[in-house]
C-alpha atoms as a PDB file:
ATOM      1  CA  MET A   1     -76.890  24.109 133.551  1.00  0.00           C
ATOM      2  CA  ILE A   2     -74.109  25.417 131.754  1.00  0.00           C
ATOM      3  CA  PHE A   3     -74.006  28.803 130.311  1.00  0.00           C
ATOM      4  CA  LYS A   4     -72.312  29.671 127.255  1.00  0.00           C
ATOM      5  CA  LYS A   5     -70.332  33.255 127.153  1.00  0.00           C
ATOM      6  CA  LYS A   6     -71.816  35.453 124.125  1.00  0.00           C
ATOM      7  CA  THR A   7     -69.187  36.837 122.297  1.00  0.00           C
ATOM      8  CA  SER A   8     -69.208  40.597 121.049  1.00  0.00           C
ATOM      9  CA  PRO A   9     -68.269  41.566 117.755  1.00  0.00           C
ATOM     10  CA  GLU A  10     -65.433  43.268 119.673  1.00  0.00           C
ATOM     11  CA  ASP A  11     -64.443  39.744 120.946  1.00  0.00           C
ATOM     12  CA  ALA A  12     -64.750  37.783 117.394  1.00  0.00           C
ATOM     13  CA  PRO A  13     -61.435  37.053 115.252  1.00  0.00           C
ATOM     14  CA  GLN A  14     -60.303  39.890 113.197  1.00  0.00           C
ATOM     15  CA  THR A  15     -59.627  38.947 109.743  1.00  0.00           C
ATOM     16  CA  ASP A  16     -57.249  40.792 107.385  1.00  0.00           C
ATOM     17  CA  ALA A  17     -59.893  41.937 104.835  1.00  0.00           C
ATOM     18  CA  PRO A  18     -57.823  44.198 102.666  1.00  0.00           C
ATOM     19  CA  GLU A  19     -54.509  41.680 101.995  1.00  0.00           C
ATOM     20  CA  GLN A  20     -57.295  38.688 101.085  1.00  0.00           C
ATOM     21  CA  ASN A  21     -58.828  41.365  98.751  1.00  0.00           C
ATOM     22  CA  GLU A  22     -55.512  42.307  97.335  1.00  0.00           C
ATOM     23  CA  GLU A  23     -54.513  38.579  96.992  1.00  0.00           C
ATOM     24  CA  LEU A  24     -57.672  37.644  95.418  1.00  0.00           C
ATOM     25  CA  THR A  25     -57.169  40.798  92.734  1.00  0.00           C
ATOM     26  CA  GLU A  26     -53.880  39.451  92.018  1.00  0.00           C
ATOM     27  CA  GLU A  27     -54.776  35.999  91.469  1.00  0.00           C
ATOM     28  CA  VAL A  28     -57.656  37.342  88.982  1.00  0.00           C
ATOM     29  CA  GLN A  29     -55.110  39.556  87.417  1.00  0.00           C
ATOM     30  CA  ASN A  30     -52.820  36.641  87.017  1.00  0.00           C
ATOM     31  CA  THR A  31     -55.269  34.892  85.582  1.00  0.00           C
ATOM     32  CA  ALA A  32     -56.705  37.417  83.064  1.00  0.00           C
ATOM     33  CA  ASP A  33     -53.049  37.992  81.886  1.00  0.00           C
ATOM     34  CA  GLU A  34     -52.614  33.847  81.120  1.00  0.00           C
ATOM     35  CA  THR A  35     -55.927  34.243  79.352  1.00  0.00           C
ATOM     36  CA  ILE A  36     -54.991  37.028  77.513  1.00  0.00           C
ATOM     37  CA  VAL A  37     -51.354  35.589  76.685  1.00  0.00           C
ATOM     38  CA  GLU A  38     -53.075  32.308  75.823  1.00  0.00           C
ATOM     39  CA  GLY A  39     -55.428  34.166  73.355  1.00  0.00           C
ATOM     40  CA  LEU A  40     -52.536  36.324  71.645  1.00  0.00           C
ATOM     41  CA  GLU A  41     -50.569  32.780  71.096  1.00  0.00           C
ATOM     42  CA  ASP A  42     -53.786  31.413  69.644  1.00  0.00           C
ATOM     43  CA  ILE A  43     -54.173  34.420  67.178  1.00  0.00           C
ATOM     44  CA  VAL A  44     -50.539  34.319  66.101  1.00  0.00           C
ATOM     45  CA  SER A  45     -50.519  30.738  65.687  1.00  0.00           C
ATOM     46  CA  GLU A  46     -53.518  31.059  63.491  1.00  0.00           C
ATOM     47  CA  GLU A  47     -51.838  33.970  61.571  1.00  0.00           C
ATOM     48  CA  GLU A  48     -49.039  31.698  60.862  1.00  0.00           C
ATOM     49  CA  THR A  49     -51.146  29.091  59.410  1.00  0.00           C
ATOM     50  CA  VAL A  50     -53.217  31.199  57.110  1.00  0.00           C
ATOM     51  CA  ALA A  51     -51.224  31.152  53.965  1.00  0.00           C
ATOM     52  CA  ASP A  52     -49.788  34.627  52.572  1.00  0.00           C
ATOM     53  CA  PRO A  53     -52.239  35.144  49.299  1.00  0.00           C
ATOM     54  CA  VAL A  54     -48.934  36.905  47.604  1.00  0.00           C
ATOM     55  CA  ALA A  55     -46.797  33.819  48.347  1.00  0.00           C
ATOM     56  CA  GLU A  56     -50.139  31.465  47.272  1.00  0.00           C
ATOM     57  CA  LEU A  57     -49.967  33.456  43.910  1.00  0.00           C
ATOM     58  CA  GLN A  58     -46.380  33.550  43.313  1.00  0.00           C
ATOM     59  CA  LYS A  59     -46.252  29.779  43.904  1.00  0.00           C
ATOM     60  CA  ALA A  60     -49.005  29.181  41.354  1.00  0.00           C
ATOM     61  CA  LEU A  61     -47.156  31.230  39.003  1.00  0.00           C
ATOM     62  CA  GLU A  62     -43.927  29.434  39.359  1.00  0.00           C
ATOM     63  CA  GLU A  63     -45.656  26.213  39.165  1.00  0.00           C
ATOM     64  CA  GLU A  64     -47.576  27.253  35.935  1.00  0.00           C
ATOM     65  CA  LYS A  65     -44.335  28.900  34.484  1.00  0.00           C
ATOM     66  CA  GLU A  66     -42.714  25.555  34.911  1.00  0.00           C
ATOM     67  CA  ARG A  67     -45.390  23.508  33.322  1.00  0.00           C
ATOM     68  CA  SER A  68     -45.506  25.952  30.558  1.00  0.00           C
ATOM     69  CA  LEU A  69     -41.711  25.162  30.109  1.00  0.00           C
ATOM     70  CA  ARG A  70     -42.164  21.656  29.832  1.00  0.00           C
ATOM     71  CA  LEU A  71     -44.712  21.977  27.233  1.00  0.00           C
ATOM     72  CA  TYR A  72     -42.961  24.220  25.060  1.00  0.00           C
ATOM     73  CA  ALA A  73     -40.051  21.530  25.515  1.00  0.00           C
ATOM     74  CA  GLU A  74     -42.221  18.395  24.519  1.00  0.00           C
ATOM     75  CA  LEU A  75     -43.794  20.772  21.721  1.00  0.00           C
ATOM     76  CA  ASP A  76     -40.249  21.631  20.248  1.00  0.00           C
ATOM     77  CA  ASN A  77     -39.181  18.068  20.753  1.00  0.00           C
ATOM     78  CA  VAL A  78     -42.483  16.721  18.697  1.00  0.00           C
ATOM     79  CA  ARG A  79     -41.917  19.284  15.982  1.00  0.00           C
ATOM     80  CA  ARG A  80     -38.027  18.387  15.647  1.00  0.00           C
ATOM     81  CA  ARG A  81     -39.374  14.921  15.654  1.00  0.00           C
ATOM     82  CA  ALA A  82     -41.578  15.452  12.914  1.00  0.00           C
ATOM     83  CA  SER A  83     -39.222  17.477  10.574  1.00  0.00           C
ATOM     84  CA  ARG A  84     -36.730  14.734  10.827  1.00  0.00           C
ATOM     85  CA  GLU A  85     -39.155  12.092   9.814  1.00  0.00           C
ATOM     86  CA  LEU A  86     -40.231  14.669   6.892  1.00  0.00           C
ATOM     87  CA  LEU A  87     -36.790  14.714   5.952  1.00  0.00           C
ATOM     88  CA  GLU A  88     -35.674  10.972   5.812  1.00  0.00           C
ATOM     89  CA  GLU A  89     -39.397  10.405   3.960  1.00  0.00           C
ATOM     90  CA  ARG A  90     -38.126  12.977   1.208  1.00  0.00           C
ATOM     91  CA  LYS A  91     -34.685  11.653   1.352  1.00  0.00           C
ATOM     92  CA  TYR A  92     -35.796   7.943   0.714  1.00  0.00           C
ATOM     93  CA  SER A  93     -38.742   8.939  -1.244  1.00  0.00           C
ATOM     94  CA  GLY A  94     -37.388   7.484  -4.426  1.00  0.00           C
ATOM     95  CA  MET A  95     -36.627   4.134  -2.802  1.00  0.00           C
ATOM     96  CA  GLU A  96     -39.323   2.099  -4.771  1.00  0.00           C
ATOM     97  CA  VAL A  97     -38.895   3.958  -8.073  1.00  0.00           C
ATOM     98  CA  ILE A  98     -34.874   3.125  -8.185  1.00  0.00           C
ATOM     99  CA  ARG A  99     -35.858  -0.825  -7.288  1.00  0.00           C
ATOM    100  CA  ALA A 100     -38.005  -0.847  -9.997  1.00  0.00           C
ATOM    101  CA  LEU A 101     -35.463   0.779 -12.561  1.00  0.00           C
ATOM    102  CA  LEU A 102     -32.687  -1.434 -11.416  1.00  0.00           C
ATOM    103  CA  PRO A 103     -33.409  -4.492 -13.565  1.00  0.00           C
ATOM    104  CA  VAL A 104     -33.681  -2.508 -16.559  1.00  0.00           C
ATOM    105  CA  MET A 105     -30.344  -1.444 -15.601  1.00  0.00           C
ATOM    106  CA  ASP A 106     -29.273  -4.920 -15.191  1.00  0.00           C
ATOM    107  CA  ASN A 107     -30.664  -5.920 -18.631  1.00  0.00           C
ATOM    108  CA  LEU A 108     -28.792  -2.936 -20.580  1.00  0.00           C
ATOM    109  CA  GLN A 109     -25.667  -4.160 -18.934  1.00  0.00           C
ATOM    110  CA  ARG A 110     -25.978  -7.583 -19.967  1.00  0.00           C
ATOM    111  CA  ALA A 111     -26.993  -6.035 -23.658  1.00  0.00           C
ATOM    112  CA  ILE A 112     -23.503  -4.382 -23.425  1.00  0.00           C
ATOM    113  CA  GLU A 113     -21.718  -7.355 -22.385  1.00  0.00           C
ATOM    114  CA  ALA A 114     -23.142  -9.337 -25.332  1.00  0.00           C
ATOM    115  CA  ALA A 115     -22.983  -6.859 -28.020  1.00  0.00           C
ATOM    116  CA  SER A 116     -18.984  -6.164 -26.840  1.00  0.00           C
ATOM    117  CA  ALA A 117     -18.658  -9.805 -27.517  1.00  0.00           C
ATOM    118  CA  ALA A 118     -20.337  -9.602 -30.761  1.00  0.00           C
ATOM    119  CA  SER A 119     -18.392  -6.088 -31.576  1.00  0.00           C
ATOM    120  CA  ALA A 120     -15.153  -8.250 -31.298  1.00  0.00           C
ATOM    121  CA  GLU A 121     -16.183  -9.763 -34.618  1.00  0.00           C
ATOM    122  CA  GLY A 122     -16.525  -6.402 -35.798  1.00  0.00           C
ATOM    123  CA  THR A 123     -20.665  -6.186 -35.844  1.00  0.00           C
ATOM    124  CA  ASN A 124     -23.035  -4.180 -33.983  1.00  0.00           C
ATOM    125  CA  ASP A 125     -20.885  -1.324 -33.127  1.00  0.00           C
ATOM    126  CA  ALA A 126     -23.517   1.306 -33.686  1.00  0.00           C
ATOM    127  CA  LEU A 127     -25.966  -0.653 -31.455  1.00  0.00           C
ATOM    128  CA  LEU A 128     -23.307  -1.558 -28.871  1.00  0.00           C
ATOM    129  CA  GLU A 129     -22.621   2.498 -28.586  1.00  0.00           C
ATOM    130  CA  GLY A 130     -26.259   3.260 -28.322  1.00  0.00           C
ATOM    131  CA  VAL A 131     -26.577   0.657 -25.443  1.00  0.00           C
ATOM    132  CA  ARG A 132     -23.806   2.186 -23.701  1.00  0.00           C
ATOM    133  CA  MET A 133     -25.168   5.638 -23.932  1.00  0.00           C
ATOM    134  CA  ILE A 134     -28.441   4.634 -22.579  1.00  0.00           C
ATOM    135  CA  TYR A 135     -26.833   3.077 -19.882  1.00  0.00           C
ATOM    136  CA  GLN A 136     -24.586   5.751 -19.042  1.00  0.00           C
ATOM    137  CA  GLN A 137     -27.712   8.353 -18.906  1.00  0.00           C
ATOM    138  CA  MET A 138     -29.678   6.126 -16.754  1.00  0.00           C
ATOM    139  CA  THR A 139     -26.384   5.941 -14.349  1.00  0.00           C
ATOM    140  CA  ASP A 140     -25.997   9.707 -14.639  1.00  0.00           C
ATOM    141  CA  SER A 141     -29.836  10.170 -13.662  1.00  0.00           C
ATOM    142  CA  LEU A 142     -29.356   7.839 -10.721  1.00  0.00           C
ATOM    143  CA  ALA A 143     -26.492   9.665  -9.630  1.00  0.00           C
ATOM    144  CA  LYS A 144     -27.883  12.934  -9.492  1.00  0.00           C
ATOM    145  CA  ASN A 145     -30.835  11.666  -7.215  1.00  0.00           C
ATOM    146  CA  HIS A 146     -27.738  10.245  -5.121  1.00  0.00           C
ATOM    147  CA  CYS A 147     -28.130   6.733  -6.052  1.00  0.00           C
ATOM    148  CA  THR A 148     -24.604   5.209  -6.532  1.00  0.00           C
ATOM    149  CA  ARG A 149     -23.282   2.246  -7.346  1.00  0.00           C
ATOM    150  CA  ILE A 150     -21.610  -0.150  -4.637  1.00  0.00           C
ATOM    151  CA  GLU A 151     -17.927  -0.832  -5.161  1.00  0.00           C
ATOM    152  CA  ALA A 152     -17.343  -4.282  -4.534  1.00  0.00           C
ATOM    153  CA  GLN A 153     -14.606  -6.077  -6.757  1.00  0.00           C
ATOM    154  CA  ASP A 154     -11.704  -7.229  -5.090  1.00  0.00           C
ATOM    155  CA  GLN A 155     -12.535  -5.802  -1.535  1.00  0.00           C
ATOM    156  CA  GLN A 156     -13.262  -7.412   1.703  1.00  0.00           C
ATOM    157  CA  PHE A 157     -16.628  -8.917   1.800  1.00  0.00           C
ATOM    158  CA  ASP A 158     -18.927  -6.742   3.827  1.00  0.00           C
ATOM    159  CA  PRO A 159     -22.268  -8.080   4.521  1.00  0.00           C
ATOM    160  CA  ASN A 160     -23.744  -4.725   5.178  1.00  0.00           C
ATOM    161  CA  PHE A 161     -23.419  -4.063   1.249  1.00  0.00           C
ATOM    162  CA  HIS A 162     -22.272  -7.336  -0.007  1.00  0.00           C
ATOM    163  CA  GLU A 163     -24.485 -10.747  -0.867  1.00  0.00           C
ATOM    164  CA  ALA A 164     -22.600 -13.884  -1.036  1.00  0.00           C
ATOM    165  CA  ILE A 165     -23.965 -16.266  -3.668  1.00  0.00           C
ATOM    166  CA  SER A 166     -20.879 -18.480  -3.928  1.00  0.00           C
ATOM    167  CA  GLN A 167     -17.422 -19.050  -2.633  1.00  0.00           C
ATOM    168  CA  MET A 168     -14.170 -19.993  -4.602  1.00  0.00           C
ATOM    169  CA  PRO A 169     -11.115 -21.453  -3.525  1.00  0.00           C
ATOM    170  CA  ASN A 170      -8.163 -18.992  -4.116  1.00  0.00           C
ATOM    171  CA  ALA A 171      -4.629 -18.869  -2.665  1.00  0.00           C
ATOM    172  CA  ASP A 172      -3.738 -15.706  -4.178  1.00  0.00           C
ATOM    173  CA  VAL A 173      -5.843 -13.201  -2.166  1.00  0.00           C
ATOM    174  CA  PRO A 174      -7.173 -13.179   1.289  1.00  0.00           C
ATOM    175  CA  GLU A 175     -10.047 -15.292   2.366  1.00  0.00           C
ATOM    176  CA  ASN A 176     -13.449 -13.353   1.678  1.00  0.00           C
ATOM    177  CA  THR A 177     -12.143 -11.395  -0.990  1.00  0.00           C
ATOM    178  CA  VAL A 178     -14.450 -10.056  -3.675  1.00  0.00           C
ATOM    179  CA  LEU A 179     -13.565 -12.372  -6.715  1.00  0.00           C
ATOM    180  CA  PHE A 180     -16.449 -11.708  -9.257  1.00  0.00           C
ATOM    181  CA  VAL A 181     -19.373  -9.322  -8.934  1.00  0.00           C
ATOM    182  CA  ALA A 182     -22.710 -11.041 -10.290  1.00  0.00           C
ATOM    183  CA  GLN A 183     -25.023  -8.337  -9.663  1.00  0.00           C
ATOM    184  CA  ASP A 184     -24.477  -4.508  -9.388  1.00  0.00           C
ATOM    185  CA  GLY A 185     -25.440  -3.331  -5.991  1.00  0.00           C
ATOM    186  CA  TYR A 186     -26.694   0.250  -5.309  1.00  0.00           C
ATOM    187  CA  LEU A 187     -26.837   2.918  -2.287  1.00  0.00           C
ATOM    188  CA  LEU A 188     -29.248   5.769  -2.061  1.00  0.00           C
ATOM    189  CA  HIS A 189     -27.513   8.302   0.179  1.00  0.00           C
ATOM    190  CA  ASP A 190     -26.223   5.873   3.090  1.00  0.00           C
ATOM    191  CA  ARG A 191     -29.287   3.160   2.903  1.00  0.00           C
ATOM    192  CA  VAL A 192     -28.972   0.071   0.883  1.00  0.00           C
ATOM    193  CA  VAL A 193     -30.960  -0.032  -1.950  1.00  0.00           C
ATOM    194  CA  ARG A 194     -30.177  -3.720  -3.020  1.00  0.00           C
ATOM    195  CA  PRO A 195     -26.785  -5.402  -2.273  1.00  0.00           C
ATOM    196  CA  THR A 196     -24.110  -6.478  -4.535  1.00  0.00           C
ATOM    197  CA  GLN A 197     -24.306  -9.952  -5.239  1.00  0.00           C
ATOM    198  CA  VAL A 198     -20.771 -11.453  -5.058  1.00  0.00           C
ATOM    199  CA  VAL A 199     -18.334 -14.611  -5.483  1.00  0.00           C
ATOM    200  CA  VAL A 200     -15.980 -14.604  -2.533  1.00  0.00           C
ATOM    201  CA  SER A 201     -12.523 -16.440  -2.031  1.00  0.00           C
ATOM    202  CA  LYS A 202     -11.888 -18.807   0.346  1.00  0.00           C
ATOM    203  CA  LYS A 203      -9.144 -21.150   1.532  1.00  0.00           C
ATOM    204  CA  PRO A 204      -8.342 -24.026  -0.897  1.00  0.00           C
END
């Protein structure tokens, strides 16, 4: 039989309890410090992500200001465009009336030409003078309303103002020179009411 020797408390291995407690305390403290630091970092991160109310209001104010400026610019453009269109409409409002009067002017001009031929024979002088006065009054009235006759005789043909109804060979003038005006044309301001009907030259 083998007898084991009983160990007494004095014989048991001694451990350094104070040192272990200090290490454990230090470890707990370090863990606590890390936890606190992480918590603080999270709080700072959350505070950074939370928008500043004042900055948000300032940004919203700037955006609203820009939007208002854009709307004001658009409104000003609309106002200018409407004003320009209104002026254009007023400027050329008499176009149709003038077009209706031009045939009357043509007939008066033909009457003057016919009366002039008769006047050469010593007749109808008073009638001729009366027709001329009427024609001149109508011409003056049109001019007061910014309607003027298009000059064409002996000028170069311009398709913007002239309408060629025929061509005649002529070696004495440059090609496409207006030789004869068949019907007067008129301008209202800078817009053609009716082009001048002309006969132009061409090379023989």
